[in-house]
Amino acid sequence: MRLIFVYWAWEDQGSGLVIQGYTQAARALGHEVVVLGPPRPNIPLNYSRDLESADAVIFIFEWTVQLQYGDHLDLARLVGRVPRCRRVVLDGDGNYNDVISFEGDYNHRDSAASRCWIELCDSLSDKICQPTLHPLRPNVRPFLFYAYNPTWEVPLDFRAKEYDMLYIGHCKFRWHPMCRVLRAIELVREEVGRVGLVGVGWDSLPWWAAPMQLEDSYLSDPAYLRKLGVEVLPPVPFEQVISWMSKAVFNPVISRPTFTYFQFVTPRMFETPAANTIPLLGLDDAHIEEIYGQPALELALPADNPQEKILDMVRRPEYYLDVLTQVRRHLAEKHSHAARLQELIEIIES
């Protein structure tokens, strides 16, 4: 089967590494996954503009789709070439819902925007998927999409780390969950080494925020970061995310509030356990156990005395080796790209 992913890739954010994993899994299983469009040397994906041999089309809708005006003739040819029943929409940001506002985060500014998005998705396909096992709308199919790849795994070795904590990701709607981690570190700051945030928006507003009226999305407190001695570093290409994570003893796994509300998974939830680091899971216990398995609860950031968990990870990281091994094994068995691809094919053929 030849699958075309319609996706606007960015070099330093989004699902590029995930899509690479799908491409590799497809080849191993006798299928093909391509991304619609001309080659982009700085974003190494398997591109193609050949629509004639497509067996199915998967529209991957993340926030960047709002910036992709694209070639409308390509879209017309795509819709005309591939039957509706073999088109799938992956609603990666939870926009295929009524307006949801949660802890300062929101999926739409108003109900008109919500209706417009839902109508757009419905015009493309009857198969609307979201990366959660608990969709809110009855016609949405649960499909986690994001996956774990055992080939990403870096051997676990906590010697000679440059940082005690790193977080690789942009600030958008993530200041409040990150604050939970930083407040815990503040209580024991003298006992925690270098702390870094790699991405845009942490210490200044990104250039595109004001033109897109996204200033509230990039809420942060640069003065507080300076007070804590947090290093803010520029974003890195998606192919370097796991190697950068591996520079630190632990990496927080956090999610923007609406994604927590929807119980979504994200790329970072599967990339972090593959790095040479300890994932500090800033998620609720039910979500942790559902995705990572019961042993992963040992990696959760507790509500009471969270600083003690951070200190324990810094002081004796080797204690967590067995838990990390169990988590990696669970993810490889339950959440691999091969398993996801098979599930996607079943959705297409249903």
C-alpha atoms as a PDB file:
ATOM      1  CA  MET A   1       0.000   0.000   0.000  1.00  0.00           C
ATOM      2  CA  ARG A   2       1.278   3.496  -0.867  1.00  0.00           C
ATOM      3  CA  LEU A   3       0.300   6.107   1.703  1.00  0.00           C
ATOM      4  CA  ILE A   4       0.623   9.848   1.153  1.00  0.00           C
ATOM      5  CA  PHE A   5       0.997  12.007   4.267  1.00  0.00           C
ATOM      6  CA  VAL A   6      -0.145  15.594   3.754  1.00  0.00           C
ATOM      7  CA  TYR A   7       1.951  17.508   6.237  1.00  0.00           C
ATOM      8  CA  TRP A   8       3.803  20.787   6.447  1.00  0.00           C
ATOM      9  CA  ALA A   9       7.080  19.929   8.137  1.00  0.00           C
ATOM     10  CA  TRP A  10       9.263  22.230  10.193  1.00  0.00           C
ATOM     11  CA  GLU A  11      12.932  21.615  10.823  1.00  0.00           C
ATOM     12  CA  ASP A  12      12.822  22.104  14.590  1.00  0.00           C
ATOM     13  CA  GLN A  13       9.323  21.110  15.714  1.00  0.00           C
ATOM     14  CA  GLY A  14       6.402  18.856  14.915  1.00  0.00           C
ATOM     15  CA  SER A  15       6.343  15.240  13.771  1.00  0.00           C
ATOM     16  CA  GLY A  16       9.293  14.888  11.432  1.00  0.00           C
ATOM     17  CA  LEU A  17      10.994  12.143  13.455  1.00  0.00           C
ATOM     18  CA  VAL A  18       7.682  10.288  13.795  1.00  0.00           C
ATOM     19  CA  ILE A  19       7.121  10.387  10.035  1.00  0.00           C
ATOM     20  CA  GLN A  20      10.637   9.103   9.427  1.00  0.00           C
ATOM     21  CA  GLY A  21       9.705   6.176  11.676  1.00  0.00           C
ATOM     22  CA  TYR A  22       6.590   5.464   9.625  1.00  0.00           C
ATOM     23  CA  THR A  23       8.642   5.529   6.433  1.00  0.00           C
ATOM     24  CA  GLN A  24      11.093   2.959   7.826  1.00  0.00           C
ATOM     25  CA  ALA A  25       8.337   0.726   9.203  1.00  0.00           C
ATOM     26  CA  ALA A  26       6.459   0.837   5.902  1.00  0.00           C
ATOM     27  CA  ARG A  27       9.518  -0.279   3.951  1.00  0.00           C
ATOM     28  CA  ALA A  28      10.088  -3.170   6.341  1.00  0.00           C
ATOM     29  CA  LEU A  29       6.470  -4.292   5.941  1.00  0.00           C
ATOM     30  CA  GLY A  30       6.315  -3.953   2.136  1.00  0.00           C
ATOM     31  CA  HIS A  31       4.432  -0.626   2.070  1.00  0.00           C
ATOM     32  CA  GLU A  32       5.475   2.929   1.225  1.00  0.00           C
ATOM     33  CA  VAL A  33       4.952   6.200   3.093  1.00  0.00           C
ATOM     34  CA  VAL A  34       5.672   9.505   1.359  1.00  0.00           C
ATOM     35  CA  VAL A  35       5.112  13.150   2.271  1.00  0.00           C
ATOM     36  CA  LEU A  36       3.365  15.212  -0.382  1.00  0.00           C
ATOM     37  CA  GLY A  37       5.610  17.908  -1.810  1.00  0.00           C
ATOM     38  CA  PRO A  38       9.009  18.653  -3.359  1.00  0.00           C
ATOM     39  CA  PRO A  39      12.200  17.664  -1.514  1.00  0.00           C
ATOM     40  CA  ARG A  40      13.426  19.982   1.249  1.00  0.00           C
ATOM     41  CA  PRO A  41      17.129  19.351   1.959  1.00  0.00           C
ATOM     42  CA  ASN A  42      16.958  20.708   5.530  1.00  0.00           C
ATOM     43  CA  ILE A  43      14.013  18.436   6.425  1.00  0.00           C
ATOM     44  CA  PRO A  44      14.949  14.877   5.397  1.00  0.00           C
ATOM     45  CA  LEU A  45      11.647  13.139   4.706  1.00  0.00           C
ATOM     46  CA  ASN A  46      10.561  10.876   1.849  1.00  0.00           C
ATOM     47  CA  TYR A  47       8.881  13.437  -0.415  1.00  0.00           C
ATOM     48  CA  SER A  48       6.852  12.828  -3.550  1.00  0.00           C
ATOM     49  CA  ARG A  49       4.415  14.736  -5.750  1.00  0.00           C
ATOM     50  CA  ASP A  50       3.176  11.600  -7.487  1.00  0.00           C
ATOM     51  CA  LEU A  51      -0.531  11.377  -6.697  1.00  0.00           C
ATOM     52  CA  GLU A  52      -1.486   8.797  -9.294  1.00  0.00           C
ATOM     53  CA  SER A  53      -0.296   5.745  -7.379  1.00  0.00           C
ATOM     54  CA  ALA A  54      -1.689   6.762  -3.971  1.00  0.00           C
ATOM     55  CA  ASP A  55      -3.747   4.104  -2.198  1.00  0.00           C
ATOM     56  CA  ALA A  56      -4.687   6.392   0.705  1.00  0.00           C
ATOM     57  CA  VAL A  57      -4.117   9.912   2.007  1.00  0.00           C
ATOM     58  CA  ILE A  58      -3.538  10.909   5.618  1.00  0.00           C
ATOM     59  CA  PHE A  59      -3.966  14.594   6.465  1.00  0.00           C
ATOM     60  CA  ILE A  60      -1.795  15.339   9.520  1.00  0.00           C
ATOM     61  CA  PHE A  61      -3.291  18.477  10.996  1.00  0.00           C
ATOM     62  CA  GLU A  62      -1.094  20.220  13.548  1.00  0.00           C
ATOM     63  CA  TRP A  63      -0.856  23.926  14.289  1.00  0.00           C
ATOM     64  CA  THR A  64       1.330  24.657  11.258  1.00  0.00           C
ATOM     65  CA  VAL A  65      -1.497  23.756   8.885  1.00  0.00           C
ATOM     66  CA  GLN A  66      -2.829  27.273   9.514  1.00  0.00           C
ATOM     67  CA  LEU A  67       0.317  28.622   7.853  1.00  0.00           C
ATOM     68  CA  GLN A  68       0.253  26.296   4.854  1.00  0.00           C
ATOM     69  CA  TYR A  69      -1.663  27.927   2.053  1.00  0.00           C
ATOM     70  CA  GLY A  70      -0.130  25.495  -0.395  1.00  0.00           C
ATOM     71  CA  ASP A  71      -1.060  24.548  -3.917  1.00  0.00           C
ATOM     72  CA  HIS A  72      -4.844  24.334  -4.153  1.00  0.00           C
ATOM     73  CA  LEU A  73      -4.527  22.491  -7.455  1.00  0.00           C
ATOM     74  CA  ASP A  74      -2.550  19.785  -5.633  1.00  0.00           C
ATOM     75  CA  LEU A  75      -5.353  19.508  -3.084  1.00  0.00           C
ATOM     76  CA  ALA A  76      -7.981  19.308  -5.814  1.00  0.00           C
ATOM     77  CA  ARG A  77      -6.034  16.575  -7.596  1.00  0.00           C
ATOM     78  CA  LEU A  78      -5.547  14.720  -4.322  1.00  0.00           C
ATOM     79  CA  VAL A  79      -9.225  14.772  -3.405  1.00  0.00           C
ATOM     80  CA  GLY A  80     -10.195  13.904  -6.965  1.00  0.00           C
ATOM     81  CA  ARG A  81      -7.728  11.031  -7.188  1.00  0.00           C
ATOM     82  CA  VAL A  82      -8.244   9.317  -3.807  1.00  0.00           C
ATOM     83  CA  PRO A  83     -11.776   8.243  -2.796  1.00  0.00           C
ATOM     84  CA  ARG A  84     -13.214   9.792   0.340  1.00  0.00           C
ATOM     85  CA  CYS A  85     -13.340   6.404   2.050  1.00  0.00           C
ATOM     86  CA  ARG A  86      -9.556   6.153   1.731  1.00  0.00           C
ATOM     87  CA  ARG A  87      -8.790   9.532   3.242  1.00  0.00           C
ATOM     88  CA  VAL A  88      -7.984   9.935   6.950  1.00  0.00           C
ATOM     89  CA  VAL A  89      -7.686  13.106   9.024  1.00  0.00           C
ATOM     90  CA  LEU A  90      -5.393  13.092  12.055  1.00  0.00           C
ATOM     91  CA  ASP A  91      -6.527  16.011  14.218  1.00  0.00           C
ATOM     92  CA  GLY A  92      -3.320  16.369  16.202  1.00  0.00           C
ATOM     93  CA  ASP A  93      -4.226  19.463  18.229  1.00  0.00           C
ATOM     94  CA  GLY A  94      -7.785  18.605  19.270  1.00  0.00           C
ATOM     95  CA  ASN A  95      -9.371  21.253  17.085  1.00  0.00           C
ATOM     96  CA  TYR A  96     -12.105  18.865  15.937  1.00  0.00           C
ATOM     97  CA  ASN A  97     -14.038  19.711  19.104  1.00  0.00           C
ATOM     98  CA  ASP A  98     -16.208  22.428  20.494  1.00  0.00           C
ATOM     99  CA  VAL A  99     -14.330  25.317  22.084  1.00  0.00           C
ATOM    100  CA  ILE A 100     -12.280  24.036  25.017  1.00  0.00           C
ATOM    101  CA  SER A 101     -10.515  26.365  27.451  1.00  0.00           C
ATOM    102  CA  PHE A 102      -8.442  24.791  30.204  1.00  0.00           C
ATOM    103  CA  GLU A 103      -5.859  26.338  32.525  1.00  0.00           C
ATOM    104  CA  GLY A 104      -5.148  29.245  30.187  1.00  0.00           C
ATOM    105  CA  ASP A 105      -4.957  27.079  27.057  1.00  0.00           C
ATOM    106  CA  TYR A 106      -7.607  26.784  24.349  1.00  0.00           C
ATOM    107  CA  ASN A 107      -8.171  24.974  21.061  1.00  0.00           C
ATOM    108  CA  HIS A 108     -10.193  27.777  19.424  1.00  0.00           C
ATOM    109  CA  ARG A 109     -10.740  31.419  20.167  1.00  0.00           C
ATOM    110  CA  ASP A 110     -14.473  31.206  19.462  1.00  0.00           C
ATOM    111  CA  SER A 111     -17.241  28.882  18.296  1.00  0.00           C
ATOM    112  CA  ALA A 112     -17.048  30.178  14.707  1.00  0.00           C
ATOM    113  CA  ALA A 113     -13.457  28.959  14.434  1.00  0.00           C
ATOM    114  CA  SER A 114     -14.480  25.600  15.880  1.00  0.00           C
ATOM    115  CA  ARG A 115     -17.312  25.181  13.368  1.00  0.00           C
ATOM    116  CA  CYS A 116     -15.001  26.155  10.483  1.00  0.00           C
ATOM    117  CA  TRP A 117     -12.423  23.553  11.490  1.00  0.00           C
ATOM    118  CA  ILE A 118     -14.997  20.794  11.930  1.00  0.00           C
ATOM    119  CA  GLU A 119     -16.544  21.586   8.539  1.00  0.00           C
ATOM    120  CA  LEU A 120     -13.089  21.487   6.902  1.00  0.00           C
ATOM    121  CA  CYS A 121     -12.315  18.047   8.349  1.00  0.00           C
ATOM    122  CA  ASP A 122     -15.758  16.713   7.483  1.00  0.00           C
ATOM    123  CA  SER A 123     -15.328  17.907   3.886  1.00  0.00           C
ATOM    124  CA  LEU A 124     -12.229  15.727   3.537  1.00  0.00           C
ATOM    125  CA  SER A 125     -13.123  12.483   5.265  1.00  0.00           C
ATOM    126  CA  ASP A 126     -15.499  10.521   7.458  1.00  0.00           C
ATOM    127  CA  LYS A 127     -12.478   9.033   9.254  1.00  0.00           C
ATOM    128  CA  ILE A 128     -11.441  11.645  11.799  1.00  0.00           C
ATOM    129  CA  CYS A 129      -8.812  10.458  14.283  1.00  0.00           C
ATOM    130  CA  GLN A 130      -7.251  12.019  17.348  1.00  0.00           C
ATOM    131  CA  PRO A 131      -4.144  10.884  19.298  1.00  0.00           C
ATOM    132  CA  THR A 132      -6.089   9.849  22.381  1.00  0.00           C
ATOM    133  CA  LEU A 133      -7.833   6.730  23.597  1.00  0.00           C
ATOM    134  CA  HIS A 134     -10.674   8.890  24.906  1.00  0.00           C
ATOM    135  CA  PRO A 135     -12.043  11.200  22.172  1.00  0.00           C
ATOM    136  CA  LEU A 136     -14.851  13.539  23.206  1.00  0.00           C
ATOM    137  CA  ARG A 137     -16.890  13.407  20.000  1.00  0.00           C
ATOM    138  CA  PRO A 138     -18.616  10.111  19.166  1.00  0.00           C
ATOM    139  CA  ASN A 139     -17.560  10.125  15.500  1.00  0.00           C
ATOM    140  CA  VAL A 140     -13.841  10.502  16.298  1.00  0.00           C
ATOM    141  CA  ARG A 141     -11.691   7.394  16.180  1.00  0.00           C
ATOM    142  CA  PRO A 142      -8.935   6.896  18.752  1.00  0.00           C
ATOM    143  CA  PHE A 143      -5.600   6.551  16.995  1.00  0.00           C
ATOM    144  CA  LEU A 144      -2.460   7.532  18.910  1.00  0.00           C
ATOM    145  CA  PHE A 145      -0.439   8.115  15.674  1.00  0.00           C
ATOM    146  CA  TYR A 146       2.748   9.137  17.520  1.00  0.00           C
ATOM    147  CA  ALA A 147       4.928   6.119  18.192  1.00  0.00           C
ATOM    148  CA  TYR A 148       8.069   4.653  19.737  1.00  0.00           C
ATOM    149  CA  ASN A 149      11.002   3.421  17.709  1.00  0.00           C
ATOM    150  CA  PRO A 150      13.492   1.039  19.369  1.00  0.00           C
ATOM    151  CA  THR A 151      16.134   2.102  16.825  1.00  0.00           C
ATOM    152  CA  TRP A 152      16.151   5.501  18.538  1.00  0.00           C
ATOM    153  CA  GLU A 153      17.348   4.007  21.821  1.00  0.00           C
ATOM    154  CA  VAL A 154      20.584   5.372  23.242  1.00  0.00           C
ATOM    155  CA  PRO A 155      22.408   3.143  25.789  1.00  0.00           C
ATOM    156  CA  LEU A 156      21.753   4.322  29.333  1.00  0.00           C
ATOM    157  CA  ASP A 157      24.828   5.817  30.987  1.00  0.00           C
ATOM    158  CA  PHE A 158      24.491   8.668  33.485  1.00  0.00           C
ATOM    159  CA  ARG A 159      28.173   9.514  33.799  1.00  0.00           C
ATOM    160  CA  ALA A 160      29.581  12.869  32.668  1.00  0.00           C
ATOM    161  CA  LYS A 161      26.298  14.653  31.987  1.00  0.00           C
ATOM    162  CA  GLU A 162      26.450  18.296  30.881  1.00  0.00           C
ATOM    163  CA  TYR A 163      23.110  19.128  32.480  1.00  0.00           C
ATOM    164  CA  ASP A 164      21.019  17.849  35.332  1.00  0.00           C
ATOM    165  CA  MET A 165      17.843  18.901  33.480  1.00  0.00           C
ATOM    166  CA  LEU A 166      17.011  19.754  29.889  1.00  0.00           C
ATOM    167  CA  TYR A 167      13.677  20.291  28.196  1.00  0.00           C
ATOM    168  CA  ILE A 168      13.608  20.189  24.391  1.00  0.00           C
ATOM    169  CA  GLY A 169      10.532  21.959  23.110  1.00  0.00           C
ATOM    170  CA  HIS A 170       8.927  25.311  22.538  1.00  0.00           C
ATOM    171  CA  CYS A 171       7.117  27.367  25.148  1.00  0.00           C
ATOM    172  CA  LYS A 172       3.707  27.499  23.469  1.00  0.00           C
ATOM    173  CA  PHE A 173       1.078  26.961  26.207  1.00  0.00           C
ATOM    174  CA  ARG A 174       3.649  25.066  28.275  1.00  0.00           C
ATOM    175  CA  TRP A 175       4.695  27.680  30.806  1.00  0.00           C
ATOM    176  CA  HIS A 176       2.285  26.518  33.532  1.00  0.00           C
ATOM    177  CA  PRO A 177       3.262  22.817  33.400  1.00  0.00           C
ATOM    178  CA  MET A 178       6.938  23.809  33.187  1.00  0.00           C
ATOM    179  CA  CYS A 179       6.492  26.056  36.220  1.00  0.00           C
ATOM    180  CA  ARG A 180       5.487  23.008  38.253  1.00  0.00           C
ATOM    181  CA  VAL A 181       8.905  21.500  37.503  1.00  0.00           C
ATOM    182  CA  LEU A 182      10.827  24.739  38.029  1.00  0.00           C
ATOM    183  CA  ARG A 183       9.108  25.487  41.358  1.00  0.00           C
ATOM    184  CA  ALA A 184      10.232  22.086  42.584  1.00  0.00           C
ATOM    185  CA  ILE A 185      13.793  22.744  41.415  1.00  0.00           C
ATOM    186  CA  GLU A 186      13.749  26.151  43.114  1.00  0.00           C
ATOM    187  CA  LEU A 187      13.349  24.458  46.515  1.00  0.00           C
ATOM    188  CA  VAL A 188      16.620  22.550  46.004  1.00  0.00           C
ATOM    189  CA  ARG A 189      18.353  24.772  43.452  1.00  0.00           C
ATOM    190  CA  GLU A 190      21.783  24.642  45.096  1.00  0.00           C
ATOM    191  CA  GLU A 191      21.775  20.838  44.796  1.00  0.00           C
ATOM    192  CA  VAL A 192      20.763  20.724  41.121  1.00  0.00           C
ATOM    193  CA  GLY A 193      23.309  21.497  38.425  1.00  0.00           C
ATOM    194  CA  ARG A 194      22.787  23.097  35.018  1.00  0.00           C
ATOM    195  CA  VAL A 195      19.180  23.462  33.859  1.00  0.00           C
ATOM    196  CA  GLY A 196      18.330  24.276  30.250  1.00  0.00           C
ATOM    197  CA  LEU A 197      15.305  24.948  28.042  1.00  0.00           C
ATOM    198  CA  VAL A 198      15.894  24.356  24.325  1.00  0.00           C
ATOM    199  CA  GLY A 199      13.351  26.077  22.101  1.00  0.00           C
ATOM    200  CA  VAL A 200      11.631  29.341  21.299  1.00  0.00           C
ATOM    201  CA  GLY A 201       9.444  31.512  23.464  1.00  0.00           C
ATOM    202  CA  TRP A 202      10.953  30.819  26.887  1.00  0.00           C
ATOM    203  CA  ASP A 203      12.860  34.084  27.315  1.00  0.00           C
ATOM    204  CA  SER A 204      11.321  36.250  24.589  1.00  0.00           C
ATOM    205  CA  LEU A 205       8.306  36.367  22.315  1.00  0.00           C
ATOM    206  CA  PRO A 206       8.917  34.615  18.956  1.00  0.00           C
ATOM    207  CA  TRP A 207       8.749  36.858  15.909  1.00  0.00           C
ATOM    208  CA  TRP A 208       5.588  35.271  14.576  1.00  0.00           C
ATOM    209  CA  ALA A 209       3.554  35.551  17.791  1.00  0.00           C
ATOM    210  CA  ALA A 210       2.354  39.131  17.376  1.00  0.00           C
ATOM    211  CA  PRO A 211       1.415  38.921  13.654  1.00  0.00           C
ATOM    212  CA  MET A 212      -0.548  35.737  14.396  1.00  0.00           C
ATOM    213  CA  GLN A 213      -2.055  37.193  17.610  1.00  0.00           C
ATOM    214  CA  LEU A 214      -0.457  34.408  19.657  1.00  0.00           C
ATOM    215  CA  GLU A 215       1.122  36.509  22.394  1.00  0.00           C
ATOM    216  CA  ASP A 216      -0.927  34.764  25.092  1.00  0.00           C
ATOM    217  CA  SER A 217       0.204  31.361  23.784  1.00  0.00           C
ATOM    218  CA  TYR A 218       3.827  32.162  24.628  1.00  0.00           C
ATOM    219  CA  LEU A 219       3.341  33.319  28.202  1.00  0.00           C
ATOM    220  CA  SER A 220       6.575  32.992  30.188  1.00  0.00           C
ATOM    221  CA  ASP A 221       8.576  34.681  32.952  1.00  0.00           C
ATOM    222  CA  PRO A 222      12.125  35.459  31.734  1.00  0.00           C
ATOM    223  CA  ALA A 223      12.993  37.181  35.024  1.00  0.00           C
ATOM    224  CA  TYR A 224      12.150  34.019  36.956  1.00  0.00           C
ATOM    225  CA  LEU A 225      14.280  31.943  34.589  1.00  0.00           C
ATOM    226  CA  ARG A 226      17.215  34.286  35.145  1.00  0.00           C
ATOM    227  CA  LYS A 227      16.690  34.111  38.910  1.00  0.00           C
ATOM    228  CA  LEU A 228      16.904  30.298  38.758  1.00  0.00           C
ATOM    229  CA  GLY A 229      19.909  30.375  36.455  1.00  0.00           C
ATOM    230  CA  VAL A 230      18.049  28.528  33.707  1.00  0.00           C
ATOM    231  CA  GLU A 231      19.881  28.511  30.374  1.00  0.00           C
ATOM    232  CA  VAL A 232      17.680  29.209  27.342  1.00  0.00           C
ATOM    233  CA  LEU A 233      19.081  27.694  24.164  1.00  0.00           C
ATOM    234  CA  PRO A 234      17.978  27.915  20.501  1.00  0.00           C
ATOM    235  CA  PRO A 235      15.886  25.132  18.965  1.00  0.00           C
ATOM    236  CA  VAL A 236      17.542  22.110  17.389  1.00  0.00           C
ATOM    237  CA  PRO A 237      16.531  20.083  14.289  1.00  0.00           C
ATOM    238  CA  PHE A 238      14.173  17.216  15.037  1.00  0.00           C
ATOM    239  CA  GLU A 239      16.843  14.672  14.156  1.00  0.00           C
ATOM    240  CA  GLN A 240      18.955  16.000  17.058  1.00  0.00           C
ATOM    241  CA  VAL A 241      16.224  15.970  19.699  1.00  0.00           C
ATOM    242  CA  ILE A 242      17.135  12.603  21.232  1.00  0.00           C
ATOM    243  CA  SER A 243      20.868  13.331  21.281  1.00  0.00           C
ATOM    244  CA  TRP A 244      20.190  16.642  23.000  1.00  0.00           C
ATOM    245  CA  MET A 245      17.942  14.989  25.573  1.00  0.00           C
ATOM    246  CA  SER A 246      20.785  12.582  26.260  1.00  0.00           C
ATOM    247  CA  LYS A 247      22.945  15.445  27.556  1.00  0.00           C
ATOM    248  CA  ALA A 248      20.909  15.602  30.797  1.00  0.00           C
ATOM    249  CA  VAL A 249      20.236  13.356  33.771  1.00  0.00           C
ATOM    250  CA  PHE A 250      16.495  13.939  33.420  1.00  0.00           C
ATOM    251  CA  ASN A 251      14.071  15.525  30.952  1.00  0.00           C
ATOM    252  CA  PRO A 252      10.537  16.572  31.942  1.00  0.00           C
ATOM    253  CA  VAL A 253       7.700  15.110  29.882  1.00  0.00           C
ATOM    254  CA  ILE A 254       4.960  17.713  30.038  1.00  0.00           C
ATOM    255  CA  SER A 255       1.948  18.563  27.906  1.00  0.00           C
ATOM    256  CA  ARG A 256       0.013  21.720  27.216  1.00  0.00           C
ATOM    257  CA  PRO A 257      -3.169  21.917  29.339  1.00  0.00           C
ATOM    258  CA  THR A 258      -5.681  21.193  26.565  1.00  0.00           C
ATOM    259  CA  PHE A 259      -3.695  18.108  25.564  1.00  0.00           C
ATOM    260  CA  THR A 260      -3.844  16.977  29.190  1.00  0.00           C
ATOM    261  CA  TYR A 261      -7.604  17.574  29.137  1.00  0.00           C
ATOM    262  CA  PHE A 262      -7.963  15.516  25.929  1.00  0.00           C
ATOM    263  CA  GLN A 263      -5.514  12.859  27.231  1.00  0.00           C
ATOM    264  CA  PHE A 264      -3.502  13.241  24.037  1.00  0.00           C
ATOM    265  CA  VAL A 265      -0.124  11.711  23.366  1.00  0.00           C
ATOM    266  CA  THR A 266       2.615  13.755  21.710  1.00  0.00           C
ATOM    267  CA  PRO A 267       5.891  12.959  19.909  1.00  0.00           C
ATOM    268  CA  ARG A 268       7.945  13.898  22.968  1.00  0.00           C
ATOM    269  CA  MET A 269       6.175  11.276  25.094  1.00  0.00           C
ATOM    270  CA  PHE A 270       7.759   8.558  22.954  1.00  0.00           C
ATOM    271  CA  GLU A 271      11.064  10.207  22.070  1.00  0.00           C
ATOM    272  CA  THR A 272      12.147  10.927  25.657  1.00  0.00           C
ATOM    273  CA  PRO A 273      12.253   7.295  26.885  1.00  0.00           C
ATOM    274  CA  ALA A 274      14.543   6.440  23.974  1.00  0.00           C
ATOM    275  CA  ALA A 275      17.142   9.024  25.019  1.00  0.00           C
ATOM    276  CA  ASN A 276      19.952   8.464  27.503  1.00  0.00           C
ATOM    277  CA  THR A 277      18.021  10.278  30.216  1.00  0.00           C
ATOM    278  CA  ILE A 278      15.335   9.776  32.846  1.00  0.00           C
ATOM    279  CA  PRO A 279      11.873  10.940  31.739  1.00  0.00           C
ATOM    280  CA  LEU A 280      10.341  12.948  34.581  1.00  0.00           C
ATOM    281  CA  LEU A 281       6.671  12.389  33.828  1.00  0.00           C
ATOM    282  CA  GLY A 282       4.608  15.471  34.576  1.00  0.00           C
ATOM    283  CA  LEU A 283       1.370  13.697  33.619  1.00  0.00           C
ATOM    284  CA  ASP A 284      -1.451  12.293  35.715  1.00  0.00           C
ATOM    285  CA  ASP A 285      -1.012   8.759  37.008  1.00  0.00           C
ATOM    286  CA  ALA A 286      -3.837   7.246  34.952  1.00  0.00           C
ATOM    287  CA  HIS A 287      -2.366   8.587  31.713  1.00  0.00           C
ATOM    288  CA  ILE A 288       1.135   7.429  32.667  1.00  0.00           C
ATOM    289  CA  GLU A 289      -0.016   3.891  33.386  1.00  0.00           C
ATOM    290  CA  GLU A 290      -2.178   3.741  30.256  1.00  0.00           C
ATOM    291  CA  ILE A 291       0.699   4.688  27.937  1.00  0.00           C
ATOM    292  CA  TYR A 292       3.872   3.547  29.693  1.00  0.00           C
ATOM    293  CA  GLY A 293       2.700   0.738  31.962  1.00  0.00           C
ATOM    294  CA  GLN A 294       2.522   0.494  35.742  1.00  0.00           C
ATOM    295  CA  PRO A 295       6.307   0.530  36.416  1.00  0.00           C
ATOM    296  CA  ALA A 296       6.505   4.035  34.909  1.00  0.00           C
ATOM    297  CA  LEU A 297       4.657   5.480  37.899  1.00  0.00           C
ATOM    298  CA  GLU A 298       8.081   5.468  39.554  1.00  0.00           C
ATOM    299  CA  LEU A 299       9.014   8.264  37.109  1.00  0.00           C
ATOM    300  CA  ALA A 300       6.050  10.523  37.932  1.00  0.00           C
ATOM    301  CA  LEU A 301       6.537  13.988  39.416  1.00  0.00           C
ATOM    302  CA  PRO A 302       4.473  13.751  42.627  1.00  0.00           C
ATOM    303  CA  ALA A 303       2.159  16.470  43.869  1.00  0.00           C
ATOM    304  CA  ASP A 304       3.658  16.273  47.377  1.00  0.00           C
ATOM    305  CA  ASN A 305       7.346  17.140  47.814  1.00  0.00           C
ATOM    306  CA  PRO A 306       8.175  17.008  44.094  1.00  0.00           C
ATOM    307  CA  GLN A 307      11.656  18.329  44.831  1.00  0.00           C
ATOM    308  CA  GLU A 308      12.486  15.021  46.526  1.00  0.00           C
ATOM    309  CA  LYS A 309      11.851  13.099  43.298  1.00  0.00           C
ATOM    310  CA  ILE A 310      14.082  15.511  41.379  1.00  0.00           C
ATOM    311  CA  LEU A 311      16.864  15.217  43.942  1.00  0.00           C
ATOM    312  CA  ASP A 312      16.597  11.426  43.860  1.00  0.00           C
ATOM    313  CA  MET A 313      16.984  11.367  40.086  1.00  0.00           C
ATOM    314  CA  VAL A 314      20.009  13.654  40.281  1.00  0.00           C
ATOM    315  CA  ARG A 315      21.680  11.822  43.184  1.00  0.00           C
ATOM    316  CA  ARG A 316      21.102   8.214  42.167  1.00  0.00           C
ATOM    317  CA  PRO A 317      20.074   7.972  38.512  1.00  0.00           C
ATOM    318  CA  GLU A 318      21.233   4.334  38.335  1.00  0.00           C
ATOM    319  CA  TYR A 319      18.296   3.400  40.570  1.00  0.00           C
ATOM    320  CA  TYR A 320      15.972   4.102  37.623  1.00  0.00           C
ATOM    321  CA  LEU A 321      17.765   1.865  35.103  1.00  0.00           C
ATOM    322  CA  ASP A 322      15.472  -1.117  35.672  1.00  0.00           C
ATOM    323  CA  VAL A 323      12.330   1.014  35.383  1.00  0.00           C
ATOM    324  CA  LEU A 324      13.604   2.591  32.159  1.00  0.00           C
ATOM    325  CA  THR A 325      14.376  -0.822  30.704  1.00  0.00           C
ATOM    326  CA  GLN A 326      10.846  -2.006  31.487  1.00  0.00           C
ATOM    327  CA  VAL A 327       9.323   1.149  30.001  1.00  0.00           C
ATOM    328  CA  ARG A 328      11.352   0.803  26.804  1.00  0.00           C
ATOM    329  CA  ARG A 329      10.301  -2.816  26.443  1.00  0.00           C
ATOM    330  CA  HIS A 330       6.626  -1.927  26.980  1.00  0.00           C
ATOM    331  CA  LEU A 331       6.736   0.884  24.417  1.00  0.00           C
ATOM    332  CA  ALA A 332       8.493  -1.293  21.846  1.00  0.00           C
ATOM    333  CA  GLU A 333       5.814  -3.969  22.228  1.00  0.00           C
ATOM    334  CA  LYS A 334       2.716  -1.769  22.405  1.00  0.00           C
ATOM    335  CA  HIS A 335       3.553   1.500  20.663  1.00  0.00           C
ATOM    336  CA  SER A 336       5.954   0.760  17.804  1.00  0.00           C
ATOM    337  CA  HIS A 337       5.674   2.361  14.374  1.00  0.00           C
ATOM    338  CA  ALA A 338       4.954  -1.068  12.914  1.00  0.00           C
ATOM    339  CA  ALA A 339       1.976  -1.516  15.259  1.00  0.00           C
ATOM    340  CA  ARG A 340       0.738   2.003  14.521  1.00  0.00           C
ATOM    341  CA  LEU A 341       1.076   1.484  10.768  1.00  0.00           C
ATOM    342  CA  GLN A 342      -0.945  -1.715  10.902  1.00  0.00           C
ATOM    343  CA  GLU A 343      -3.649   0.073  12.874  1.00  0.00           C
ATOM    344  CA  LEU A 344      -3.646   2.918  10.347  1.00  0.00           C
ATOM    345  CA  ILE A 345      -4.082   0.464   7.458  1.00  0.00           C
ATOM    346  CA  GLU A 346      -7.005  -1.126   9.297  1.00  0.00           C
ATOM    347  CA  ILE A 347      -8.619   2.319   9.643  1.00  0.00           C
ATOM    348  CA  ILE A 348      -8.110   2.999   5.931  1.00  0.00           C
ATOM    349  CA  GLU A 349      -9.620  -0.317   4.927  1.00  0.00           C
ATOM    350  CA  SER A 350     -12.540  -0.192   7.357  1.00  0.00           C
END
